[in-house]
Amino acid sequence: MKHCACQFGLNSQTSHVKFCLNTSTIKPQPLLRKIELAAQAGYDGIELWINDIYEHVGRGGEVSEVERALGDHGLIVPSVIAIRQWGDMDGWEYELVKDEARRRFALGARLGAPFIVATPPLELAQQDHLPGRYRDLLAIGREEGIRPTFEYISFFKSVYNLADAWRIVQEADDPDSSIILDAFHNWNSNSTLEDLRAIPIEKISHYHIDDAHPDKPATTQKDPDRVMLDEGQIDLAAEVAVLKEKGYDRTMSLELFSAELWEQDPLEVIRVGLERMKELWNGQ
C-alpha cells in the first residue's frame, strides 16, 4: 500500500486555514503560469485539474515540471479534480473508469494531494448504487495513496444537495470517506446551515468558496453564474461562521468559472479573491 506524503489529511491540524486557488478561476492561463500567479498573489496552495496536467504533458511538458514549480513556489495541493463517470458506467466500461481512476489517483498522489474529487453522475438520476461505487474508489485510493472525496453538484440530476451527499458518504461506511463542501452548490440547491452542521468536521476534506449571480434565483444557476465573493447573493459570512463554530481549520479554495473574469488581469482577479477570502474568514 502506498502512503500519501502530504501533511494536510483529514486528521492533521494546521495553525490556520490555508487559502488556496482553484485554477478554474484563471482557466485560460497555462498550467505553470497558474502556479506562478498563485504564489505571486500570496496563496498557500493551488487546487489543480487533472485535465490541465494531461494537456501540459500532451503539449510536450513533463509532470516533473509541475512538481518542481509547486516546490519552488512553496504551494500545497489540497486536492485535485476530478474522477468522473464512476457512477455512470457498468460492465467493461466501469472497469475502464476504474483504470482511469487509478491513473488519476497516482498522479494526484505524486503531486502531494491528499484528496481527489469524485464527481457524481450528471444525467443519471439514481443514488442507490453510489455508496458501493464510492467504496470501490476508496479502495483504489488506499492503494495509490490518495483519498477520493465525495462531491455534490447543484445542477446535476444525481446528487445535487448537501444532505443527500452526506447520506451517501455515511452509507459508504468507510473510514477514509469524506465530503468536499461548496458554498455555491449549498446555496443553489437550497441546502441549509443545519445540513452543514450535521457533518462531522473530520469528514470534511476541503471547502470551495464562491458567490452566486445576484439576479438569478437558487436552483437555476450553473458554474458560469458564479461571481466574485461579496458580489452575489450568498450569505458567505453565515456559512463561514458555521465552519468556524465546528472548528474547521484546514483548506479552502476560491473557485470561479467566470468568462468575464477570465478576460481580466489574472493576478488582480486572484489578489482580490484572496483578500476577500481572508476578510470573510478573519471577520468571523
C-alpha atoms as a PDB file:
ATOM      1  CA  MET A   1       0.000   0.000   0.000  1.00  0.00           C
ATOM      2  CA  LYS A   2       1.251   3.464  -0.873  1.00  0.00           C
ATOM      3  CA  HIS A   3       1.083   6.291   1.626  1.00  0.00           C
ATOM      4  CA  CYS A   4       0.367   9.918   0.854  1.00  0.00           C
ATOM      5  CA  ALA A   5       3.239  12.114   1.980  1.00  0.00           C
ATOM      6  CA  CYS A   6       1.095  15.213   2.149  1.00  0.00           C
ATOM      7  CA  GLN A   7       0.628  16.625   5.650  1.00  0.00           C
ATOM      8  CA  PHE A   8      -2.825  18.070   5.097  1.00  0.00           C
ATOM      9  CA  GLY A   9      -5.021  14.980   5.550  1.00  0.00           C
ATOM     10  CA  LEU A  10      -8.254  14.763   7.497  1.00  0.00           C
ATOM     11  CA  ASN A  11      -6.634  14.259  10.863  1.00  0.00           C
ATOM     12  CA  SER A  12      -3.905  16.869  10.602  1.00  0.00           C
ATOM     13  CA  GLN A  13      -4.049  20.159  12.448  1.00  0.00           C
ATOM     14  CA  THR A  14      -2.836  23.389  10.886  1.00  0.00           C
ATOM     15  CA  SER A  15      -2.124  26.659  12.622  1.00  0.00           C
ATOM     16  CA  HIS A  16      -4.656  28.487  10.454  1.00  0.00           C
ATOM     17  CA  VAL A  17      -6.846  27.816   7.469  1.00  0.00           C
ATOM     18  CA  LYS A  18      -4.853  27.535   4.245  1.00  0.00           C
ATOM     19  CA  PHE A  19      -6.088  29.790   1.453  1.00  0.00           C
ATOM     20  CA  CYS A  20      -5.895  28.125  -1.951  1.00  0.00           C
ATOM     21  CA  LEU A  21      -6.708  28.896  -5.570  1.00  0.00           C
ATOM     22  CA  ASN A  22      -8.780  26.579  -7.708  1.00  0.00           C
ATOM     23  CA  THR A  23      -7.269  27.088 -11.145  1.00  0.00           C
ATOM     24  CA  SER A  24     -10.694  27.274 -12.827  1.00  0.00           C
ATOM     25  CA  THR A  25     -10.672  30.892 -11.600  1.00  0.00           C
ATOM     26  CA  ILE A  26      -7.956  31.713 -14.154  1.00  0.00           C
ATOM     27  CA  LYS A  27      -8.655  28.862 -16.552  1.00  0.00           C
ATOM     28  CA  PRO A  28      -7.169  30.306 -19.798  1.00  0.00           C
ATOM     29  CA  GLN A  29      -3.665  30.632 -18.313  1.00  0.00           C
ATOM     30  CA  PRO A  30      -1.108  27.848 -18.963  1.00  0.00           C
ATOM     31  CA  LEU A  31      -0.637  25.444 -16.063  1.00  0.00           C
ATOM     32  CA  LEU A  32       2.818  26.585 -14.950  1.00  0.00           C
ATOM     33  CA  ARG A  33       1.701  30.214 -15.196  1.00  0.00           C
ATOM     34  CA  LYS A  34      -1.260  29.413 -12.929  1.00  0.00           C
ATOM     35  CA  ILE A  35       1.140  28.065 -10.312  1.00  0.00           C
ATOM     36  CA  GLU A  36       3.367  31.134 -10.641  1.00  0.00           C
ATOM     37  CA  LEU A  37       0.415  33.519 -10.337  1.00  0.00           C
ATOM     38  CA  ALA A  38      -0.994  31.764  -7.263  1.00  0.00           C
ATOM     39  CA  ALA A  39       2.324  32.112  -5.483  1.00  0.00           C
ATOM     40  CA  GLN A  40       2.769  35.710  -6.610  1.00  0.00           C
ATOM     41  CA  ALA A  41      -0.666  36.607  -5.226  1.00  0.00           C
ATOM     42  CA  GLY A  42       0.187  35.078  -1.855  1.00  0.00           C
ATOM     43  CA  TYR A  43      -1.859  31.870  -1.786  1.00  0.00           C
ATOM     44  CA  ASP A  44      -0.857  28.947   0.429  1.00  0.00           C
ATOM     45  CA  GLY A  45      -1.886  26.362  -2.125  1.00  0.00           C
ATOM     46  CA  ILE A  46      -3.353  25.595  -5.513  1.00  0.00           C
ATOM     47  CA  GLU A  47      -6.092  23.139  -6.476  1.00  0.00           C
ATOM     48  CA  LEU A  48      -5.195  21.526  -9.791  1.00  0.00           C
ATOM     49  CA  TRP A  49      -7.331  19.936 -12.512  1.00  0.00           C
ATOM     50  CA  ILE A  50      -6.042  16.606 -13.806  1.00  0.00           C
ATOM     51  CA  ASN A  51      -7.049  17.537 -17.363  1.00  0.00           C
ATOM     52  CA  ASP A  52      -4.761  20.590 -17.186  1.00  0.00           C
ATOM     53  CA  ILE A  53      -1.876  18.302 -16.292  1.00  0.00           C
ATOM     54  CA  TYR A  54      -2.782  15.928 -19.137  1.00  0.00           C
ATOM     55  CA  GLU A  55      -2.844  18.904 -21.518  1.00  0.00           C
ATOM     56  CA  HIS A  56       0.547  20.106 -20.241  1.00  0.00           C
ATOM     57  CA  VAL A  57       2.039  16.681 -20.922  1.00  0.00           C
ATOM     58  CA  GLY A  58       0.263  16.472 -24.280  1.00  0.00           C
ATOM     59  CA  ARG A  59       1.965  19.701 -25.330  1.00  0.00           C
ATOM     60  CA  GLY A  60       5.363  18.237 -24.564  1.00  0.00           C
ATOM     61  CA  GLY A  61       5.664  19.115 -20.887  1.00  0.00           C
ATOM     62  CA  GLU A  62       6.587  16.840 -18.003  1.00  0.00           C
ATOM     63  CA  VAL A  63       4.877  16.098 -14.706  1.00  0.00           C
ATOM     64  CA  SER A  64       8.243  16.741 -13.062  1.00  0.00           C
ATOM     65  CA  GLU A  65       7.972  20.374 -14.197  1.00  0.00           C
ATOM     66  CA  VAL A  66       4.699  20.697 -12.296  1.00  0.00           C
ATOM     67  CA  GLU A  67       6.256  19.095  -9.217  1.00  0.00           C
ATOM     68  CA  ARG A  68       9.219  21.455  -9.424  1.00  0.00           C
ATOM     69  CA  ALA A  69       7.035  24.537  -9.855  1.00  0.00           C
ATOM     70  CA  LEU A  70       4.954  23.615  -6.820  1.00  0.00           C
ATOM     71  CA  GLY A  71       8.086  23.069  -4.753  1.00  0.00           C
ATOM     72  CA  ASP A  72       9.844  26.201  -5.965  1.00  0.00           C
ATOM     73  CA  HIS A  73       6.799  28.318  -5.089  1.00  0.00           C
ATOM     74  CA  GLY A  74       6.057  26.564  -1.809  1.00  0.00           C
ATOM     75  CA  LEU A  75       2.451  25.703  -2.688  1.00  0.00           C
ATOM     76  CA  ILE A  76       0.426  22.852  -1.215  1.00  0.00           C
ATOM     77  CA  VAL A  77      -2.135  20.964  -3.300  1.00  0.00           C
ATOM     78  CA  PRO A  78      -5.264  20.462  -1.148  1.00  0.00           C
ATOM     79  CA  SER A  79      -6.981  18.331  -3.787  1.00  0.00           C
ATOM     80  CA  VAL A  80      -7.011  17.549  -7.483  1.00  0.00           C
ATOM     81  CA  ILE A  81     -10.056  17.453  -9.777  1.00  0.00           C
ATOM     82  CA  ALA A  82     -11.546  15.032 -10.694  1.00  0.00           C
ATOM     83  CA  ILE A  83     -12.617  11.444 -11.301  1.00  0.00           C
ATOM     84  CA  ARG A  84     -15.889  11.231 -13.215  1.00  0.00           C
ATOM     85  CA  GLN A  85     -18.218   8.586 -14.738  1.00  0.00           C
ATOM     86  CA  TRP A  86     -17.678   6.126 -11.873  1.00  0.00           C
ATOM     87  CA  GLY A  87     -21.398   6.368 -11.156  1.00  0.00           C
ATOM     88  CA  ASP A  88     -22.460   6.311 -14.820  1.00  0.00           C
ATOM     89  CA  MET A  89     -20.920   3.173 -16.292  1.00  0.00           C
ATOM     90  CA  ASP A  90     -21.470  -0.570 -15.929  1.00  0.00           C
ATOM     91  CA  GLY A  91     -19.680  -3.735 -17.011  1.00  0.00           C
ATOM     92  CA  TRP A  92     -16.478  -3.376 -19.005  1.00  0.00           C
ATOM     93  CA  GLU A  93     -16.977   0.394 -19.251  1.00  0.00           C
ATOM     94  CA  TYR A  94     -16.899   0.636 -15.462  1.00  0.00           C
ATOM     95  CA  GLU A  95     -13.660  -1.351 -15.472  1.00  0.00           C
ATOM     96  CA  LEU A  96     -12.195   1.263 -17.824  1.00  0.00           C
ATOM     97  CA  VAL A  97     -13.325   4.024 -15.460  1.00  0.00           C
ATOM     98  CA  LYS A  98     -11.555   2.283 -12.574  1.00  0.00           C
ATOM     99  CA  ASP A  99      -8.396   2.020 -14.681  1.00  0.00           C
ATOM    100  CA  GLU A 100      -8.575   5.762 -15.341  1.00  0.00           C
ATOM    101  CA  ALA A 101      -9.228   6.364 -11.645  1.00  0.00           C
ATOM    102  CA  ARG A 102      -6.016   4.543 -10.814  1.00  0.00           C
ATOM    103  CA  ARG A 103      -4.030   6.750 -13.216  1.00  0.00           C
ATOM    104  CA  ARG A 104      -5.574   9.944 -11.894  1.00  0.00           C
ATOM    105  CA  PHE A 105      -5.165   8.883  -8.275  1.00  0.00           C
ATOM    106  CA  ALA A 106      -1.492   8.065  -8.805  1.00  0.00           C
ATOM    107  CA  LEU A 107      -0.894  11.420 -10.479  1.00  0.00           C
ATOM    108  CA  GLY A 108      -2.632  13.337  -7.699  1.00  0.00           C
ATOM    109  CA  ALA A 109      -0.674  11.469  -5.043  1.00  0.00           C
ATOM    110  CA  ARG A 110       2.581  12.194  -6.900  1.00  0.00           C
ATOM    111  CA  LEU A 111       1.786  15.909  -6.663  1.00  0.00           C
ATOM    112  CA  GLY A 112       1.201  15.639  -2.917  1.00  0.00           C
ATOM    113  CA  ALA A 113      -2.579  15.970  -2.939  1.00  0.00           C
ATOM    114  CA  PRO A 114      -4.330  14.175  -0.061  1.00  0.00           C
ATOM    115  CA  PHE A 115      -7.675  14.195  -1.940  1.00  0.00           C
ATOM    116  CA  ILE A 116      -9.119  13.804  -5.416  1.00  0.00           C
ATOM    117  CA  VAL A 117     -12.679  14.952  -6.104  1.00  0.00           C
ATOM    118  CA  ALA A 118     -15.167  12.209  -7.030  1.00  0.00           C
ATOM    119  CA  THR A 119     -17.952  13.772  -9.108  1.00  0.00           C
ATOM    120  CA  PRO A 120     -21.393  12.088  -9.257  1.00  0.00           C
ATOM    121  CA  PRO A 121     -23.344  11.412 -12.468  1.00  0.00           C
ATOM    122  CA  LEU A 122     -24.646  14.364 -14.475  1.00  0.00           C
ATOM    123  CA  GLU A 123     -27.753  12.810 -16.033  1.00  0.00           C
ATOM    124  CA  LEU A 124     -28.353   9.518 -14.208  1.00  0.00           C
ATOM    125  CA  ALA A 125     -30.908  10.352 -11.513  1.00  0.00           C
ATOM    126  CA  GLN A 126     -30.106   7.361  -9.315  1.00  0.00           C
ATOM    127  CA  GLN A 127     -28.307   7.158  -5.986  1.00  0.00           C
ATOM    128  CA  ASP A 128     -28.695   3.611  -4.635  1.00  0.00           C
ATOM    129  CA  HIS A 129     -25.559   2.324  -6.347  1.00  0.00           C
ATOM    130  CA  LEU A 130     -23.343   5.245  -5.378  1.00  0.00           C
ATOM    131  CA  PRO A 131     -22.256   4.167  -1.862  1.00  0.00           C
ATOM    132  CA  GLY A 132     -20.900   0.901  -3.267  1.00  0.00           C
ATOM    133  CA  ARG A 133     -19.209   2.616  -6.177  1.00  0.00           C
ATOM    134  CA  TYR A 134     -17.688   5.173  -3.815  1.00  0.00           C
ATOM    135  CA  ARG A 135     -16.311   2.312  -1.694  1.00  0.00           C
ATOM    136  CA  ASP A 136     -14.619   0.957  -4.830  1.00  0.00           C
ATOM    137  CA  LEU A 137     -12.896   4.314  -5.332  1.00  0.00           C
ATOM    138  CA  LEU A 138     -11.836   4.477  -1.698  1.00  0.00           C
ATOM    139  CA  ALA A 139     -10.214   1.043  -2.024  1.00  0.00           C
ATOM    140  CA  ILE A 140      -8.270   2.186  -5.095  1.00  0.00           C
ATOM    141  CA  GLY A 141      -7.312   5.336  -3.233  1.00  0.00           C
ATOM    142  CA  ARG A 142      -5.771   3.350  -0.408  1.00  0.00           C
ATOM    143  CA  GLU A 143      -3.603   1.514  -2.928  1.00  0.00           C
ATOM    144  CA  GLU A 144      -2.491   4.735  -4.637  1.00  0.00           C
ATOM    145  CA  GLY A 145      -2.054   6.953  -1.576  1.00  0.00           C
ATOM    146  CA  ILE A 146      -4.900   9.436  -2.032  1.00  0.00           C
ATOM    147  CA  ARG A 147      -8.495   9.788  -0.793  1.00  0.00           C
ATOM    148  CA  PRO A 148     -11.381  10.301  -3.217  1.00  0.00           C
ATOM    149  CA  THR A 149     -13.695  12.882  -1.651  1.00  0.00           C
ATOM    150  CA  PHE A 150     -17.405  12.905  -2.498  1.00  0.00           C
ATOM    151  CA  GLU A 151     -18.767  15.883  -4.433  1.00  0.00           C
ATOM    152  CA  TYR A 152     -22.341  17.093  -4.951  1.00  0.00           C
ATOM    153  CA  ILE A 153     -23.246  19.346  -7.902  1.00  0.00           C
ATOM    154  CA  SER A 154     -26.330  21.547  -7.544  1.00  0.00           C
ATOM    155  CA  PHE A 155     -27.310  21.406 -11.230  1.00  0.00           C
ATOM    156  CA  PHE A 156     -26.716  17.649 -11.718  1.00  0.00           C
ATOM    157  CA  LYS A 157     -29.571  15.141 -11.647  1.00  0.00           C
ATOM    158  CA  SER A 158     -27.963  12.591  -9.315  1.00  0.00           C
ATOM    159  CA  VAL A 159     -26.587  14.147  -6.125  1.00  0.00           C
ATOM    160  CA  TYR A 160     -27.292  17.856  -6.024  1.00  0.00           C
ATOM    161  CA  ASN A 161     -27.605  18.783  -2.347  1.00  0.00           C
ATOM    162  CA  LEU A 162     -25.550  18.514   0.791  1.00  0.00           C
ATOM    163  CA  ALA A 163     -27.943  16.261   2.734  1.00  0.00           C
ATOM    164  CA  ASP A 164     -28.016  13.564   0.026  1.00  0.00           C
ATOM    165  CA  ALA A 165     -24.246  13.715  -0.394  1.00  0.00           C
ATOM    166  CA  TRP A 166     -23.683  13.294   3.335  1.00  0.00           C
ATOM    167  CA  ARG A 167     -26.139  10.370   3.478  1.00  0.00           C
ATOM    168  CA  ILE A 168     -24.251   8.595   0.679  1.00  0.00           C
ATOM    169  CA  VAL A 169     -20.926   9.184   2.405  1.00  0.00           C
ATOM    170  CA  GLN A 170     -22.379   7.677   5.591  1.00  0.00           C
ATOM    171  CA  GLU A 171     -23.808   4.696   3.710  1.00  0.00           C
ATOM    172  CA  ALA A 172     -20.400   4.021   2.183  1.00  0.00           C
ATOM    173  CA  ASP A 173     -19.321   3.239   5.765  1.00  0.00           C
ATOM    174  CA  ASP A 174     -15.621   3.634   5.102  1.00  0.00           C
ATOM    175  CA  PRO A 175     -13.089   5.265   7.454  1.00  0.00           C
ATOM    176  CA  ASP A 176     -11.466   7.139   4.556  1.00  0.00           C
ATOM    177  CA  SER A 177     -14.707   8.643   3.229  1.00  0.00           C
ATOM    178  CA  SER A 178     -15.159  12.422   3.170  1.00  0.00           C
ATOM    179  CA  ILE A 179     -17.191  15.187   1.579  1.00  0.00           C
ATOM    180  CA  ILE A 180     -15.979  18.312  -0.210  1.00  0.00           C
ATOM    181  CA  LEU A 181     -18.072  21.390   0.589  1.00  0.00           C
ATOM    182  CA  ASP A 182     -19.019  24.160  -1.829  1.00  0.00           C
ATOM    183  CA  ALA A 183     -20.768  27.433  -0.916  1.00  0.00           C
ATOM    184  CA  PHE A 184     -22.289  27.834  -4.401  1.00  0.00           C
ATOM    185  CA  HIS A 185     -23.707  24.317  -4.511  1.00  0.00           C
ATOM    186  CA  ASN A 186     -25.077  24.677  -0.986  1.00  0.00           C
ATOM    187  CA  TRP A 187     -26.928  27.866  -1.900  1.00  0.00           C
ATOM    188  CA  ASN A 188     -28.012  26.761  -5.384  1.00  0.00           C
ATOM    189  CA  SER A 189     -29.558  23.540  -4.000  1.00  0.00           C
ATOM    190  CA  ASN A 190     -31.275  25.221  -1.041  1.00  0.00           C
ATOM    191  CA  SER A 191     -29.102  23.251   1.373  1.00  0.00           C
ATOM    192  CA  THR A 192     -29.199  24.716   4.874  1.00  0.00           C
ATOM    193  CA  LEU A 193     -26.807  25.669   7.636  1.00  0.00           C
ATOM    194  CA  GLU A 194     -28.300  22.805   9.647  1.00  0.00           C
ATOM    195  CA  ASP A 195     -27.278  20.427   6.847  1.00  0.00           C
ATOM    196  CA  LEU A 196     -23.767  21.799   7.220  1.00  0.00           C
ATOM    197  CA  ARG A 197     -23.808  21.479  10.999  1.00  0.00           C
ATOM    198  CA  ALA A 198     -24.720  17.793  10.657  1.00  0.00           C
ATOM    199  CA  ILE A 199     -21.390  16.880   9.064  1.00  0.00           C
ATOM    200  CA  PRO A 200     -18.595  15.931  11.491  1.00  0.00           C
ATOM    201  CA  ILE A 201     -15.531  18.070  10.986  1.00  0.00           C
ATOM    202  CA  GLU A 202     -13.325  15.015  10.463  1.00  0.00           C
ATOM    203  CA  LYS A 203     -15.385  14.134   7.376  1.00  0.00           C
ATOM    204  CA  ILE A 204     -14.833  17.497   5.633  1.00  0.00           C
ATOM    205  CA  SER A 205     -11.958  17.302   3.160  1.00  0.00           C
ATOM    206  CA  HIS A 206     -11.913  20.831   1.707  1.00  0.00           C
ATOM    207  CA  TYR A 207     -14.122  23.880   1.117  1.00  0.00           C
ATOM    208  CA  HIS A 208     -14.831  25.679  -2.160  1.00  0.00           C
ATOM    209  CA  ILE A 209     -15.884  29.285  -1.683  1.00  0.00           C
ATOM    210  CA  ASP A 210     -17.690  31.306  -4.338  1.00  0.00           C
ATOM    211  CA  ASP A 211     -20.675  33.613  -4.705  1.00  0.00           C
ATOM    212  CA  ALA A 212     -23.823  33.383  -6.852  1.00  0.00           C
ATOM    213  CA  HIS A 213     -25.137  35.665  -9.591  1.00  0.00           C
ATOM    214  CA  PRO A 214     -27.133  38.473  -7.944  1.00  0.00           C
ATOM    215  CA  ASP A 215     -30.064  38.368 -10.381  1.00  0.00           C
ATOM    216  CA  LYS A 216     -30.901  34.665 -10.770  1.00  0.00           C
ATOM    217  CA  PRO A 217     -32.781  32.521  -8.231  1.00  0.00           C
ATOM    218  CA  ALA A 218     -31.387  29.462  -6.492  1.00  0.00           C
ATOM    219  CA  THR A 219     -31.705  26.124  -8.340  1.00  0.00           C
ATOM    220  CA  THR A 220     -31.384  27.892 -11.733  1.00  0.00           C
ATOM    221  CA  GLN A 221     -27.678  28.743 -11.702  1.00  0.00           C
ATOM    222  CA  LYS A 222     -24.740  26.870 -13.200  1.00  0.00           C
ATOM    223  CA  ASP A 223     -20.948  27.191 -12.983  1.00  0.00           C
ATOM    224  CA  PRO A 224     -20.622  30.298 -15.217  1.00  0.00           C
ATOM    225  CA  ASP A 225     -23.041  32.148 -12.917  1.00  0.00           C
ATOM    226  CA  ARG A 226     -20.584  32.178 -10.031  1.00  0.00           C
ATOM    227  CA  VAL A 227     -19.290  35.647  -9.184  1.00  0.00           C
ATOM    228  CA  MET A 228     -16.529  37.088  -7.034  1.00  0.00           C
ATOM    229  CA  LEU A 229     -17.001  36.873  -3.283  1.00  0.00           C
ATOM    230  CA  ASP A 230     -19.286  39.558  -1.799  1.00  0.00           C
ATOM    231  CA  GLU A 231     -20.743  40.411  -5.216  1.00  0.00           C
ATOM    232  CA  GLY A 232     -23.601  37.915  -5.154  1.00  0.00           C
ATOM    233  CA  GLN A 233     -26.482  36.556  -3.076  1.00  0.00           C
ATOM    234  CA  ILE A 234     -24.881  34.009  -0.770  1.00  0.00           C
ATOM    235  CA  ASP A 235     -24.579  34.737   2.947  1.00  0.00           C
ATOM    236  CA  LEU A 236     -20.995  33.573   2.982  1.00  0.00           C
ATOM    237  CA  ALA A 237     -20.371  35.037   6.425  1.00  0.00           C
ATOM    238  CA  ALA A 238     -23.064  32.806   7.929  1.00  0.00           C
ATOM    239  CA  GLU A 239     -21.619  29.688   6.283  1.00  0.00           C
ATOM    240  CA  VAL A 240     -18.069  30.540   7.324  1.00  0.00           C
ATOM    241  CA  ALA A 241     -19.322  31.153  10.869  1.00  0.00           C
ATOM    242  CA  VAL A 242     -20.712  27.594  10.988  1.00  0.00           C
ATOM    243  CA  LEU A 243     -17.410  26.173   9.766  1.00  0.00           C
ATOM    244  CA  LYS A 244     -15.505  28.099  12.406  1.00  0.00           C
ATOM    245  CA  GLU A 245     -18.056  27.074  15.039  1.00  0.00           C
ATOM    246  CA  LYS A 246     -17.255  23.467  14.100  1.00  0.00           C
ATOM    247  CA  GLY A 247     -13.522  24.158  14.437  1.00  0.00           C
ATOM    248  CA  TYR A 248     -12.663  23.865  10.748  1.00  0.00           C
ATOM    249  CA  ASP A 249      -9.075  24.989  10.199  1.00  0.00           C
ATOM    250  CA  ARG A 250      -7.842  23.201   7.085  1.00  0.00           C
ATOM    251  CA  THR A 251      -8.081  24.404   3.480  1.00  0.00           C
ATOM    252  CA  MET A 252     -10.405  26.474   1.312  1.00  0.00           C
ATOM    253  CA  SER A 253     -10.228  27.403  -2.371  1.00  0.00           C
ATOM    254  CA  LEU A 254     -11.556  30.280  -4.421  1.00  0.00           C
ATOM    255  CA  GLU A 255     -13.399  28.518  -7.263  1.00  0.00           C
ATOM    256  CA  LEU A 256     -14.951  30.639 -10.013  1.00  0.00           C
ATOM    257  CA  PHE A 257     -15.833  29.873 -13.650  1.00  0.00           C
ATOM    258  CA  SER A 258     -16.429  33.373 -14.986  1.00  0.00           C
ATOM    259  CA  ALA A 259     -15.612  34.164 -18.631  1.00  0.00           C
ATOM    260  CA  GLU A 260     -15.769  37.838 -17.701  1.00  0.00           C
ATOM    261  CA  LEU A 261     -13.094  37.369 -15.044  1.00  0.00           C
ATOM    262  CA  TRP A 262     -11.004  35.236 -17.420  1.00  0.00           C
ATOM    263  CA  GLU A 263     -10.651  38.314 -19.651  1.00  0.00           C
ATOM    264  CA  GLN A 264      -9.296  40.461 -16.825  1.00  0.00           C
ATOM    265  CA  ASP A 265      -5.792  40.654 -15.360  1.00  0.00           C
ATOM    266  CA  PRO A 266      -5.489  37.221 -13.709  1.00  0.00           C
ATOM    267  CA  LEU A 267      -3.171  38.417 -10.971  1.00  0.00           C
ATOM    268  CA  GLU A 268      -5.539  41.195  -9.959  1.00  0.00           C
ATOM    269  CA  VAL A 269      -8.533  38.832 -10.005  1.00  0.00           C
ATOM    270  CA  ILE A 270      -6.939  36.324  -7.673  1.00  0.00           C
ATOM    271  CA  ARG A 271      -5.473  39.019  -5.420  1.00  0.00           C
ATOM    272  CA  VAL A 272      -8.975  40.386  -4.902  1.00  0.00           C
ATOM    273  CA  GLY A 273     -10.275  36.864  -4.290  1.00  0.00           C
ATOM    274  CA  LEU A 274      -7.607  36.132  -1.691  1.00  0.00           C
ATOM    275  CA  GLU A 275      -8.213  39.423   0.077  1.00  0.00           C
ATOM    276  CA  ARG A 276     -11.950  38.734   0.292  1.00  0.00           C
ATOM    277  CA  MET A 277     -11.449  35.153   1.449  1.00  0.00           C
ATOM    278  CA  LYS A 278      -9.244  36.391   4.267  1.00  0.00           C
ATOM    279  CA  GLU A 279     -11.680  39.138   5.191  1.00  0.00           C
ATOM    280  CA  LEU A 280     -14.530  36.617   5.367  1.00  0.00           C
ATOM    281  CA  TRP A 281     -12.584  34.108   7.406  1.00  0.00           C
ATOM    282  CA  ASN A 282     -10.912  36.544   9.786  1.00  0.00           C
ATOM    283  CA  GLY A 283     -14.026  38.653  10.207  1.00  0.00           C
ATOM    284  CA  GLN A 284     -15.953  35.889  11.969  1.00  0.00           C
END
